[in-house]
Amino acid sequence: MSSLLNQIISNDIVDLKITEEAEDVFGNEDGCVHDFLDALKVNTSIKTARLTEDFLGCLRADARSKVLQALGKDLDLKEVTLGDALILVEDITHIIAKSPSLYSMDLHNIILQGQQEHFQALEATLHQHPNLKEFDLSDNCEPAVEDIDLERIKNAKNASACTGSMPPPLKKSTIATSA
């Protein structure tokens, strides 16, 4: 078992930063994250998580989703940085919704996968989160679906409080141009 896994299991780590491929981090050839998921389940000490560069991007989609879902179960999580991967919008929404102490999330170099209703759910979750103060969706984050407008997501924490109803659609407005 890797030193990092031992630190996670024994609650000796507060700031989790993983930037290398899973097989390099966990020391197994298949890049299996099962041990990492098991370690996250018992951990109560992680306050900040930075999963970027080769780590998320090199995981299979199902493994990446499981890692993000497991990260979202941490009730004391304060800060999250995710980058350099294809990520399901549902997984981001899950982390925010299930982490009541979260006050900062930074996303960069991400292709956001999901349908319009997933983006609407993320926007509503951002409006309703009691402690999230910073939500940074950098300019190099893009939706996988072309007709999704991310400006409302980017500005959701600056907008007035949500009334509880679903926000209107996030589709980009169609602008007619003459030739």
N, C-alpha and C. Protein backbone atom coordinates (compact mmCIF):
# COMPACT_ATOMS: atom_id res chain seq x y z
N MET A 1 0.85 -1.17 0.00
CA MET A 1 0.00 0.00 0.00
C MET A 1 0.89 1.24 0.00
N SER A 2 0.49 2.25 -0.77
CA SER A 2 1.32 3.45 -0.89
C SER A 2 1.28 4.28 0.38
N SER A 3 2.28 5.11 0.52
CA SER A 3 2.37 6.01 1.67
C SER A 3 1.17 6.96 1.72
N LEU A 4 0.75 7.44 0.55
CA LEU A 4 -0.40 8.35 0.49
C LEU A 4 -1.66 7.65 1.00
N LEU A 5 -1.89 6.43 0.58
CA LEU A 5 -3.07 5.69 1.05
C LEU A 5 -3.03 5.51 2.57
N ASN A 6 -1.86 5.19 3.10
CA ASN A 6 -1.72 5.05 4.56
C ASN A 6 -2.04 6.35 5.27
N GLN A 7 -1.59 7.48 4.72
CA GLN A 7 -1.87 8.78 5.32
C GLN A 7 -3.37 9.09 5.29
N ILE A 8 -4.02 8.73 4.19
CA ILE A 8 -5.46 8.98 4.07
C ILE A 8 -6.22 8.12 5.07
N ILE A 9 -5.90 6.84 5.13
CA ILE A 9 -6.59 5.91 6.03
C ILE A 9 -6.40 6.31 7.49
N SER A 10 -5.20 6.72 7.85
CA SER A 10 -4.92 7.04 9.25
C SER A 10 -5.23 8.50 9.59
N ASN A 11 -5.88 9.21 8.68
CA ASN A 11 -6.27 10.61 8.90
C ASN A 11 -5.08 11.51 9.21
N ASP A 12 -3.97 11.25 8.55
CA ASP A 12 -2.77 12.06 8.75
C ASP A 12 -2.59 13.10 7.65
N ILE A 13 -3.58 13.29 6.83
CA ILE A 13 -3.45 14.23 5.72
C ILE A 13 -4.63 15.20 5.72
N VAL A 14 -4.31 16.48 5.62
CA VAL A 14 -5.33 17.52 5.58
C VAL A 14 -5.47 18.06 4.17
N ASP A 15 -4.35 18.25 3.50
CA ASP A 15 -4.32 18.78 2.15
C ASP A 15 -3.95 17.67 1.16
N LEU A 16 -4.92 17.21 0.40
CA LEU A 16 -4.70 16.14 -0.57
C LEU A 16 -4.41 16.75 -1.93
N LYS A 17 -3.25 16.45 -2.48
CA LYS A 17 -2.88 16.93 -3.81
C LYS A 17 -2.36 15.75 -4.62
N ILE A 18 -3.06 15.46 -5.72
CA ILE A 18 -2.64 14.38 -6.60
C ILE A 18 -2.61 14.93 -8.02
N THR A 19 -1.43 14.86 -8.64
CA THR A 19 -1.27 15.36 -10.00
C THR A 19 -0.72 14.31 -10.96
N GLU A 20 -0.26 13.20 -10.44
CA GLU A 20 0.33 12.16 -11.28
C GLU A 20 -0.72 11.10 -11.64
N GLU A 21 -0.39 10.25 -12.61
CA GLU A 21 -1.29 9.17 -12.99
C GLU A 21 -1.50 8.24 -11.80
N ALA A 22 -2.67 7.62 -11.75
CA ALA A 22 -3.05 6.76 -10.62
C ALA A 22 -2.04 5.65 -10.37
N GLU A 23 -1.54 5.02 -11.43
CA GLU A 23 -0.59 3.92 -11.21
C GLU A 23 0.71 4.41 -10.59
N ASP A 24 1.10 5.65 -10.87
CA ASP A 24 2.31 6.21 -10.24
C ASP A 24 2.06 6.55 -8.78
N VAL A 25 0.86 6.99 -8.47
CA VAL A 25 0.53 7.40 -7.11
C VAL A 25 0.30 6.19 -6.21
N PHE A 26 -0.44 5.21 -6.71
CA PHE A 26 -0.85 4.10 -5.86
C PHE A 26 -0.01 2.85 -6.05
N GLY A 27 0.91 2.88 -6.99
CA GLY A 27 1.87 1.80 -7.12
C GLY A 27 1.35 0.51 -7.71
N ASN A 28 0.25 0.56 -8.44
CA ASN A 28 -0.20 -0.66 -9.11
C ASN A 28 -0.25 -0.41 -10.61
N GLU A 29 -0.01 -1.44 -11.36
CA GLU A 29 0.13 -1.29 -12.81
C GLU A 29 -1.16 -0.95 -13.52
N ASP A 30 -2.29 -1.38 -13.00
CA ASP A 30 -3.54 -1.14 -13.71
C ASP A 30 -4.17 0.20 -13.36
N GLY A 31 -3.54 1.00 -12.51
CA GLY A 31 -4.08 2.30 -12.16
C GLY A 31 -5.37 2.20 -11.38
N CYS A 32 -5.58 1.07 -10.74
CA CYS A 32 -6.81 0.81 -10.00
C CYS A 32 -6.96 1.80 -8.84
N VAL A 33 -8.14 2.34 -8.69
CA VAL A 33 -8.38 3.31 -7.63
C VAL A 33 -9.24 2.74 -6.50
N HIS A 34 -9.47 1.43 -6.52
CA HIS A 34 -10.32 0.83 -5.48
C HIS A 34 -9.78 1.09 -4.08
N ASP A 35 -8.47 0.94 -3.89
CA ASP A 35 -7.88 1.19 -2.58
C ASP A 35 -8.03 2.66 -2.19
N PHE A 36 -7.91 3.55 -3.17
CA PHE A 36 -8.07 4.98 -2.92
C PHE A 36 -9.51 5.28 -2.49
N LEU A 37 -10.47 4.68 -3.16
CA LEU A 37 -11.88 4.87 -2.80
C LEU A 37 -12.14 4.36 -1.39
N ASP A 38 -11.60 3.20 -1.05
CA ASP A 38 -11.76 2.65 0.30
C ASP A 38 -11.14 3.58 1.34
N ALA A 39 -9.98 4.15 1.02
CA ALA A 39 -9.31 5.07 1.94
C ALA A 39 -10.14 6.34 2.15
N LEU A 40 -10.71 6.87 1.06
CA LEU A 40 -11.54 8.07 1.18
C LEU A 40 -12.77 7.83 2.05
N LYS A 41 -13.32 6.62 1.98
CA LYS A 41 -14.52 6.30 2.76
C LYS A 41 -14.29 6.42 4.26
N VAL A 42 -13.08 6.10 4.72
CA VAL A 42 -12.81 6.12 6.16
C VAL A 42 -12.13 7.41 6.61
N ASN A 43 -11.72 8.25 5.67
CA ASN A 43 -11.00 9.47 6.03
C ASN A 43 -11.94 10.56 6.54
N THR A 44 -11.50 11.25 7.57
CA THR A 44 -12.24 12.40 8.10
C THR A 44 -11.36 13.64 8.23
N SER A 45 -10.12 13.56 7.74
CA SER A 45 -9.19 14.67 7.97
C SER A 45 -8.97 15.59 6.77
N ILE A 46 -9.32 15.16 5.57
CA ILE A 46 -9.04 15.97 4.38
C ILE A 46 -9.93 17.21 4.37
N LYS A 47 -9.29 18.37 4.28
CA LYS A 47 -10.00 19.65 4.22
C LYS A 47 -9.90 20.29 2.84
N THR A 48 -8.78 20.05 2.16
CA THR A 48 -8.61 20.57 0.81
C THR A 48 -8.19 19.44 -0.12
N ALA A 49 -8.71 19.48 -1.33
CA ALA A 49 -8.37 18.45 -2.32
C ALA A 49 -8.04 19.14 -3.64
N ARG A 50 -6.91 18.77 -4.19
CA ARG A 50 -6.49 19.27 -5.50
C ARG A 50 -6.18 18.06 -6.37
N LEU A 51 -7.07 17.79 -7.31
CA LEU A 51 -6.93 16.65 -8.22
C LEU A 51 -6.83 17.21 -9.63
N THR A 52 -5.61 17.27 -10.14
CA THR A 52 -5.38 17.93 -11.42
C THR A 52 -4.34 17.19 -12.25
N GLU A 53 -3.98 17.81 -13.34
CA GLU A 53 -2.98 17.33 -14.27
C GLU A 53 -3.28 15.90 -14.71
N ASP A 54 -2.34 14.99 -14.58
CA ASP A 54 -2.52 13.64 -15.11
C ASP A 54 -3.48 12.78 -14.31
N PHE A 55 -3.74 13.11 -13.06
CA PHE A 55 -4.53 12.20 -12.23
C PHE A 55 -5.95 12.02 -12.76
N LEU A 56 -6.75 13.05 -12.77
CA LEU A 56 -8.14 12.90 -13.23
C LEU A 56 -8.21 12.57 -14.72
N GLY A 57 -7.39 13.22 -15.51
CA GLY A 57 -7.44 13.04 -16.95
C GLY A 57 -7.10 11.64 -17.42
N CYS A 58 -6.31 10.92 -16.66
CA CYS A 58 -5.91 9.57 -17.06
C CYS A 58 -6.81 8.47 -16.49
N LEU A 59 -7.73 8.83 -15.62
CA LEU A 59 -8.66 7.83 -15.09
C LEU A 59 -9.74 7.53 -16.11
N ARG A 60 -10.24 6.30 -16.10
CA ARG A 60 -11.41 5.97 -16.91
C ARG A 60 -12.59 6.78 -16.38
N ALA A 61 -13.56 7.05 -17.22
CA ALA A 61 -14.70 7.89 -16.85
C ALA A 61 -15.42 7.37 -15.62
N ASP A 62 -15.64 6.05 -15.53
CA ASP A 62 -16.36 5.51 -14.38
C ASP A 62 -15.54 5.64 -13.10
N ALA A 63 -14.23 5.44 -13.19
CA ALA A 63 -13.36 5.58 -12.01
C ALA A 63 -13.29 7.03 -11.57
N ARG A 64 -13.20 7.95 -12.54
CA ARG A 64 -13.17 9.38 -12.22
C ARG A 64 -14.44 9.79 -11.49
N SER A 65 -15.57 9.33 -11.96
CA SER A 65 -16.84 9.66 -11.32
C SER A 65 -16.90 9.10 -9.90
N LYS A 66 -16.43 7.88 -9.71
CA LYS A 66 -16.43 7.27 -8.37
C LYS A 66 -15.53 8.05 -7.41
N VAL A 67 -14.38 8.51 -7.90
CA VAL A 67 -13.48 9.30 -7.06
C VAL A 67 -14.16 10.60 -6.64
N LEU A 68 -14.79 11.29 -7.58
CA LEU A 68 -15.44 12.56 -7.26
C LEU A 68 -16.64 12.36 -6.35
N GLN A 69 -17.39 11.29 -6.56
CA GLN A 69 -18.51 10.99 -5.67
C GLN A 69 -18.01 10.71 -4.26
N ALA A 70 -16.91 9.97 -4.13
CA ALA A 70 -16.35 9.66 -2.81
C ALA A 70 -15.83 10.93 -2.14
N LEU A 71 -15.22 11.80 -2.92
CA LEU A 71 -14.73 13.06 -2.38
C LEU A 71 -15.88 13.90 -1.84
N GLY A 72 -17.01 13.84 -2.50
CA GLY A 72 -18.17 14.62 -2.10
C GLY A 72 -18.83 14.17 -0.82
N LYS A 73 -18.46 13.05 -0.27
CA LYS A 73 -19.07 12.58 0.98
C LYS A 73 -18.43 13.22 2.21
N ASP A 74 -17.33 13.94 2.01
CA ASP A 74 -16.59 14.52 3.13
C ASP A 74 -17.29 15.78 3.64
N LEU A 75 -17.93 15.68 4.78
CA LEU A 75 -18.70 16.79 5.32
C LEU A 75 -17.84 17.98 5.73
N ASP A 76 -16.55 17.77 5.98
CA ASP A 76 -15.67 18.85 6.42
C ASP A 76 -14.79 19.40 5.30
N LEU A 77 -15.02 19.00 4.08
CA LEU A 77 -14.24 19.47 2.95
C LEU A 77 -14.45 20.98 2.78
N LYS A 78 -13.35 21.73 2.67
CA LYS A 78 -13.42 23.20 2.59
C LYS A 78 -13.11 23.73 1.19
N GLU A 79 -12.10 23.16 0.55
CA GLU A 79 -11.66 23.66 -0.75
C GLU A 79 -11.42 22.50 -1.71
N VAL A 80 -11.83 22.69 -2.97
CA VAL A 80 -11.62 21.68 -4.00
C VAL A 80 -11.11 22.36 -5.27
N THR A 81 -10.08 21.79 -5.85
CA THR A 81 -9.58 22.21 -7.16
C THR A 81 -9.55 20.98 -8.05
N LEU A 82 -10.22 21.08 -9.19
CA LEU A 82 -10.26 19.99 -10.16
C LEU A 82 -9.80 20.54 -11.50
N GLY A 83 -9.03 19.74 -12.24
CA GLY A 83 -8.61 20.23 -13.53
C GLY A 83 -8.12 19.15 -14.47
N ASP A 84 -8.09 19.56 -15.74
CA ASP A 84 -7.46 18.78 -16.79
C ASP A 84 -8.15 17.45 -17.07
N ALA A 85 -9.48 17.49 -17.21
CA ALA A 85 -10.21 16.25 -17.43
C ALA A 85 -11.60 16.52 -18.00
N LEU A 86 -12.23 15.45 -18.45
CA LEU A 86 -13.66 15.45 -18.75
C LEU A 86 -14.37 15.10 -17.45
N ILE A 87 -15.31 15.93 -17.02
CA ILE A 87 -15.98 15.68 -15.74
C ILE A 87 -17.48 15.82 -15.92
N LEU A 88 -18.22 14.89 -15.33
CA LEU A 88 -19.68 14.98 -15.35
C LEU A 88 -20.14 16.13 -14.45
N VAL A 89 -21.02 16.96 -14.98
CA VAL A 89 -21.57 18.07 -14.19
C VAL A 89 -22.25 17.52 -12.94
N GLU A 90 -22.87 16.36 -13.05
CA GLU A 90 -23.52 15.73 -11.89
C GLU A 90 -22.53 15.48 -10.75
N ASP A 91 -21.30 15.15 -11.07
CA ASP A 91 -20.29 14.89 -10.04
C ASP A 91 -19.91 16.19 -9.32
N ILE A 92 -19.80 17.28 -10.06
CA ILE A 92 -19.50 18.58 -9.45
C ILE A 92 -20.66 18.99 -8.55
N THR A 93 -21.88 18.82 -9.04
CA THR A 93 -23.06 19.16 -8.24
C THR A 93 -23.09 18.32 -6.97
N HIS A 94 -22.75 17.05 -7.07
CA HIS A 94 -22.73 16.16 -5.91
C HIS A 94 -21.74 16.65 -4.85
N ILE A 95 -20.53 17.01 -5.28
CA ILE A 95 -19.53 17.49 -4.33
C ILE A 95 -20.05 18.72 -3.59
N ILE A 96 -20.61 19.66 -4.32
CA ILE A 96 -21.10 20.90 -3.70
C ILE A 96 -22.27 20.61 -2.76
N ALA A 97 -23.22 19.81 -3.22
CA ALA A 97 -24.42 19.54 -2.43
C ALA A 97 -24.13 18.73 -1.17
N LYS A 98 -23.17 17.82 -1.23
CA LYS A 98 -22.89 16.93 -0.10
C LYS A 98 -21.79 17.42 0.82
N SER A 99 -21.22 18.59 0.52
CA SER A 99 -20.13 19.14 1.33
C SER A 99 -20.57 20.48 1.90
N PRO A 100 -21.31 20.48 3.00
CA PRO A 100 -21.86 21.73 3.54
C PRO A 100 -20.80 22.73 4.00
N SER A 101 -19.60 22.28 4.29
CA SER A 101 -18.54 23.19 4.75
C SER A 101 -17.72 23.77 3.59
N LEU A 102 -17.99 23.33 2.38
CA LEU A 102 -17.23 23.78 1.21
C LEU A 102 -17.39 25.28 1.03
N TYR A 103 -16.26 26.00 0.94
CA TYR A 103 -16.35 27.43 0.68
C TYR A 103 -15.62 27.86 -0.59
N SER A 104 -14.86 26.94 -1.23
CA SER A 104 -14.15 27.32 -2.44
C SER A 104 -14.04 26.13 -3.39
N MET A 105 -14.39 26.36 -4.66
CA MET A 105 -14.20 25.36 -5.70
C MET A 105 -13.61 26.04 -6.92
N ASP A 106 -12.53 25.46 -7.43
CA ASP A 106 -11.83 26.00 -8.59
C ASP A 106 -11.78 24.90 -9.65
N LEU A 107 -12.30 25.20 -10.83
CA LEU A 107 -12.30 24.25 -11.94
C LEU A 107 -11.54 24.87 -13.10
N HIS A 108 -10.59 24.13 -13.67
CA HIS A 108 -9.85 24.65 -14.82
C HIS A 108 -9.52 23.53 -15.80
N ASN A 109 -9.46 23.91 -17.07
CA ASN A 109 -9.17 22.95 -18.16
C ASN A 109 -10.08 21.73 -18.10
N ILE A 110 -11.36 21.99 -18.03
CA ILE A 110 -12.34 20.90 -17.90
C ILE A 110 -13.36 20.97 -19.03
N ILE A 111 -13.68 19.81 -19.56
CA ILE A 111 -14.83 19.68 -20.45
C ILE A 111 -15.95 19.15 -19.56
N LEU A 112 -17.01 19.94 -19.44
CA LEU A 112 -18.14 19.60 -18.57
C LEU A 112 -19.16 18.78 -19.36
N GLN A 113 -19.38 17.56 -18.91
CA GLN A 113 -20.29 16.65 -19.60
C GLN A 113 -21.63 16.62 -18.88
N GLY A 114 -22.69 16.76 -19.65
CA GLY A 114 -24.02 16.68 -19.08
C GLY A 114 -25.04 17.33 -19.99
N GLN A 115 -26.28 17.09 -19.66
CA GLN A 115 -27.39 17.68 -20.39
C GLN A 115 -27.80 19.00 -19.73
N GLN A 116 -28.67 19.72 -20.39
CA GLN A 116 -29.10 21.02 -19.89
C GLN A 116 -29.62 20.94 -18.46
N GLU A 117 -30.38 19.90 -18.13
CA GLU A 117 -30.94 19.79 -16.77
C GLU A 117 -29.84 19.60 -15.72
N HIS A 118 -28.71 19.01 -16.10
CA HIS A 118 -27.59 18.85 -15.16
C HIS A 118 -26.95 20.20 -14.86
N PHE A 119 -26.84 21.05 -15.88
CA PHE A 119 -26.29 22.38 -15.68
C PHE A 119 -27.26 23.23 -14.85
N GLN A 120 -28.56 23.07 -15.08
CA GLN A 120 -29.56 23.79 -14.27
C GLN A 120 -29.47 23.36 -12.81
N ALA A 121 -29.29 22.07 -12.58
CA ALA A 121 -29.17 21.57 -11.20
C ALA A 121 -27.91 22.13 -10.54
N LEU A 122 -26.81 22.24 -11.28
CA LEU A 122 -25.59 22.83 -10.74
C LEU A 122 -25.83 24.29 -10.37
N GLU A 123 -26.46 25.03 -11.25
CA GLU A 123 -26.73 26.45 -10.96
C GLU A 123 -27.60 26.59 -9.72
N ALA A 124 -28.64 25.79 -9.61
CA ALA A 124 -29.51 25.85 -8.43
C ALA A 124 -28.75 25.49 -7.16
N THR A 125 -27.89 24.49 -7.24
CA THR A 125 -27.08 24.08 -6.08
C THR A 125 -26.13 25.19 -5.67
N LEU A 126 -25.54 25.87 -6.64
CA LEU A 126 -24.66 27.00 -6.33
C LEU A 126 -25.42 28.11 -5.62
N HIS A 127 -26.62 28.40 -6.09
CA HIS A 127 -27.45 29.44 -5.45
C HIS A 127 -27.80 29.06 -4.01
N GLN A 128 -28.04 27.79 -3.77
CA GLN A 128 -28.55 27.34 -2.48
C GLN A 128 -27.48 26.98 -1.46
N HIS A 129 -26.24 26.82 -1.87
CA HIS A 129 -25.20 26.37 -0.93
C HIS A 129 -24.96 27.45 0.13
N PRO A 130 -25.01 27.08 1.40
CA PRO A 130 -24.93 28.08 2.47
C PRO A 130 -23.54 28.69 2.68
N ASN A 131 -22.48 28.00 2.33
CA ASN A 131 -21.14 28.47 2.68
C ASN A 131 -20.21 28.71 1.50
N LEU A 132 -20.57 28.26 0.32
CA LEU A 132 -19.68 28.41 -0.83
C LEU A 132 -19.53 29.88 -1.18
N LYS A 133 -18.33 30.39 -1.06
CA LYS A 133 -18.05 31.81 -1.33
C LYS A 133 -17.36 32.01 -2.67
N GLU A 134 -16.56 31.03 -3.08
CA GLU A 134 -15.80 31.15 -4.32
C GLU A 134 -16.09 29.95 -5.22
N PHE A 135 -16.54 30.25 -6.42
CA PHE A 135 -16.73 29.22 -7.44
C PHE A 135 -16.09 29.76 -8.71
N ASP A 136 -14.92 29.24 -9.04
CA ASP A 136 -14.17 29.73 -10.19
C ASP A 136 -14.19 28.69 -11.30
N LEU A 137 -14.90 29.03 -12.35
CA LEU A 137 -14.98 28.20 -13.54
C LEU A 137 -14.20 28.94 -14.61
N SER A 138 -12.95 28.58 -14.81
CA SER A 138 -12.06 29.36 -15.68
C SER A 138 -12.54 29.35 -17.13
N ASP A 139 -11.99 30.30 -17.87
CA ASP A 139 -12.39 30.46 -19.27
C ASP A 139 -12.06 29.25 -20.13
N ASN A 140 -11.12 28.43 -19.69
CA ASN A 140 -10.79 27.25 -20.49
C ASN A 140 -11.57 26.02 -20.06
N CYS A 141 -12.71 26.24 -19.41
CA CYS A 141 -13.68 25.17 -19.16
C CYS A 141 -14.79 25.33 -20.19
N GLU A 142 -15.19 24.22 -20.77
CA GLU A 142 -16.21 24.28 -21.81
C GLU A 142 -17.21 23.15 -21.63
N PRO A 143 -18.46 23.39 -22.02
CA PRO A 143 -19.42 22.29 -22.00
C PRO A 143 -19.19 21.38 -23.20
N ALA A 144 -19.48 20.11 -23.02
CA ALA A 144 -19.37 19.16 -24.12
C ALA A 144 -20.47 19.40 -25.14
N VAL A 145 -21.59 19.96 -24.69
CA VAL A 145 -22.74 20.26 -25.55
C VAL A 145 -22.66 21.74 -25.94
N GLU A 146 -22.68 22.02 -27.22
CA GLU A 146 -22.46 23.38 -27.71
C GLU A 146 -23.48 24.41 -27.24
N ASP A 147 -24.73 24.04 -27.06
CA ASP A 147 -25.75 25.06 -26.78
C ASP A 147 -25.91 25.39 -25.29
N ILE A 148 -24.94 25.02 -24.47
CA ILE A 148 -24.98 25.35 -23.05
C ILE A 148 -24.16 26.62 -22.82
N ASP A 149 -24.76 27.59 -22.13
CA ASP A 149 -24.09 28.84 -21.81
C ASP A 149 -23.58 28.78 -20.38
N LEU A 150 -22.27 28.89 -20.19
CA LEU A 150 -21.68 28.77 -18.86
C LEU A 150 -21.67 30.08 -18.07
N GLU A 151 -22.04 31.19 -18.67
CA GLU A 151 -21.97 32.48 -17.96
C GLU A 151 -22.83 32.48 -16.70
N ARG A 152 -23.99 31.89 -16.77
CA ARG A 152 -24.86 31.86 -15.58
C ARG A 152 -24.26 31.00 -14.49
N ILE A 153 -23.59 29.92 -14.87
CA ILE A 153 -22.92 29.07 -13.88
C ILE A 153 -21.78 29.87 -13.25
N LYS A 154 -20.99 30.55 -14.09
CA LYS A 154 -19.86 31.33 -13.59
C LYS A 154 -20.30 32.41 -12.61
N ASN A 155 -21.47 32.97 -12.85
CA ASN A 155 -21.95 34.09 -12.03
C ASN A 155 -22.95 33.68 -10.95
N ALA A 156 -23.22 32.42 -10.81
CA ALA A 156 -24.27 31.96 -9.90
C ALA A 156 -24.05 32.39 -8.45
N LYS A 157 -22.82 32.42 -7.98
CA LYS A 157 -22.57 32.81 -6.60
C LYS A 157 -22.70 34.31 -6.40
N ASN A 158 -22.65 35.09 -7.48
CA ASN A 158 -22.78 36.54 -7.38
C ASN A 158 -24.22 36.99 -7.56
N ALA A 159 -25.07 36.09 -8.03
CA ALA A 159 -26.46 36.44 -8.29
C ALA A 159 -27.25 36.51 -7.00
N SER A 160 -28.43 37.06 -7.08
CA SER A 160 -29.29 37.13 -5.90
C SER A 160 -29.72 35.73 -5.50
N ALA A 161 -30.19 35.57 -4.30
CA ALA A 161 -30.57 34.26 -3.76
C ALA A 161 -31.63 33.61 -4.64
N CYS A 162 -31.53 32.31 -4.74
CA CYS A 162 -32.46 31.52 -5.54
C CYS A 162 -33.83 31.50 -4.87
N THR A 163 -34.87 31.59 -5.66
CA THR A 163 -36.21 31.60 -5.10
C THR A 163 -36.74 30.20 -4.84
N GLY A 164 -35.97 29.20 -5.20
CA GLY A 164 -36.41 27.83 -4.99
C GLY A 164 -36.94 27.19 -6.26
N SER A 165 -37.26 28.00 -7.27
CA SER A 165 -37.73 27.43 -8.53
C SER A 165 -36.53 27.16 -9.43
N MET A 166 -36.75 26.29 -10.39
CA MET A 166 -35.67 25.96 -11.32
C MET A 166 -35.37 27.18 -12.17
N PRO A 167 -34.10 27.48 -12.39
CA PRO A 167 -33.74 28.60 -13.26
C PRO A 167 -34.17 28.31 -14.69
N PRO A 168 -34.40 29.36 -15.48
CA PRO A 168 -34.75 29.14 -16.88
C PRO A 168 -33.61 28.46 -17.62
N PRO A 169 -33.87 27.96 -18.83
CA PRO A 169 -32.86 27.23 -19.58
C PRO A 169 -31.56 28.01 -19.75
N LEU A 170 -30.47 27.24 -19.89
CA LEU A 170 -29.14 27.81 -20.03
C LEU A 170 -28.67 27.84 -21.47
N LYS A 171 -29.58 27.68 -22.41
CA LYS A 171 -29.17 27.64 -23.81
C LYS A 171 -28.64 29.00 -24.24
N LYS A 172 -27.64 28.96 -25.11
CA LYS A 172 -27.12 30.19 -25.67
C LYS A 172 -28.20 30.81 -26.54
N SER A 173 -28.30 32.13 -26.50
CA SER A 173 -29.29 32.78 -27.34
C SER A 173 -28.81 32.74 -28.79
N THR A 174 -29.75 32.59 -29.67
CA THR A 174 -29.43 32.53 -31.09
C THR A 174 -29.41 33.94 -31.64
N ILE A 175 -28.32 34.31 -32.27
CA ILE A 175 -28.18 35.64 -32.84
C ILE A 175 -28.15 35.50 -34.35
N ALA A 176 -29.09 36.17 -35.00
CA ALA A 176 -29.14 36.11 -36.46
C ALA A 176 -28.18 37.15 -37.02
N THR A 177 -27.46 36.77 -38.02
CA THR A 177 -26.55 37.71 -38.69
C THR A 177 -26.89 37.73 -40.16
N SER A 178 -26.75 38.90 -40.75
CA SER A 178 -27.02 38.99 -42.18
C SER A 178 -25.72 38.85 -42.95
N ALA A 179 -25.83 38.34 -44.14
CA ALA A 179 -24.63 38.11 -44.95
C ALA A 179 -24.22 39.34 -45.69
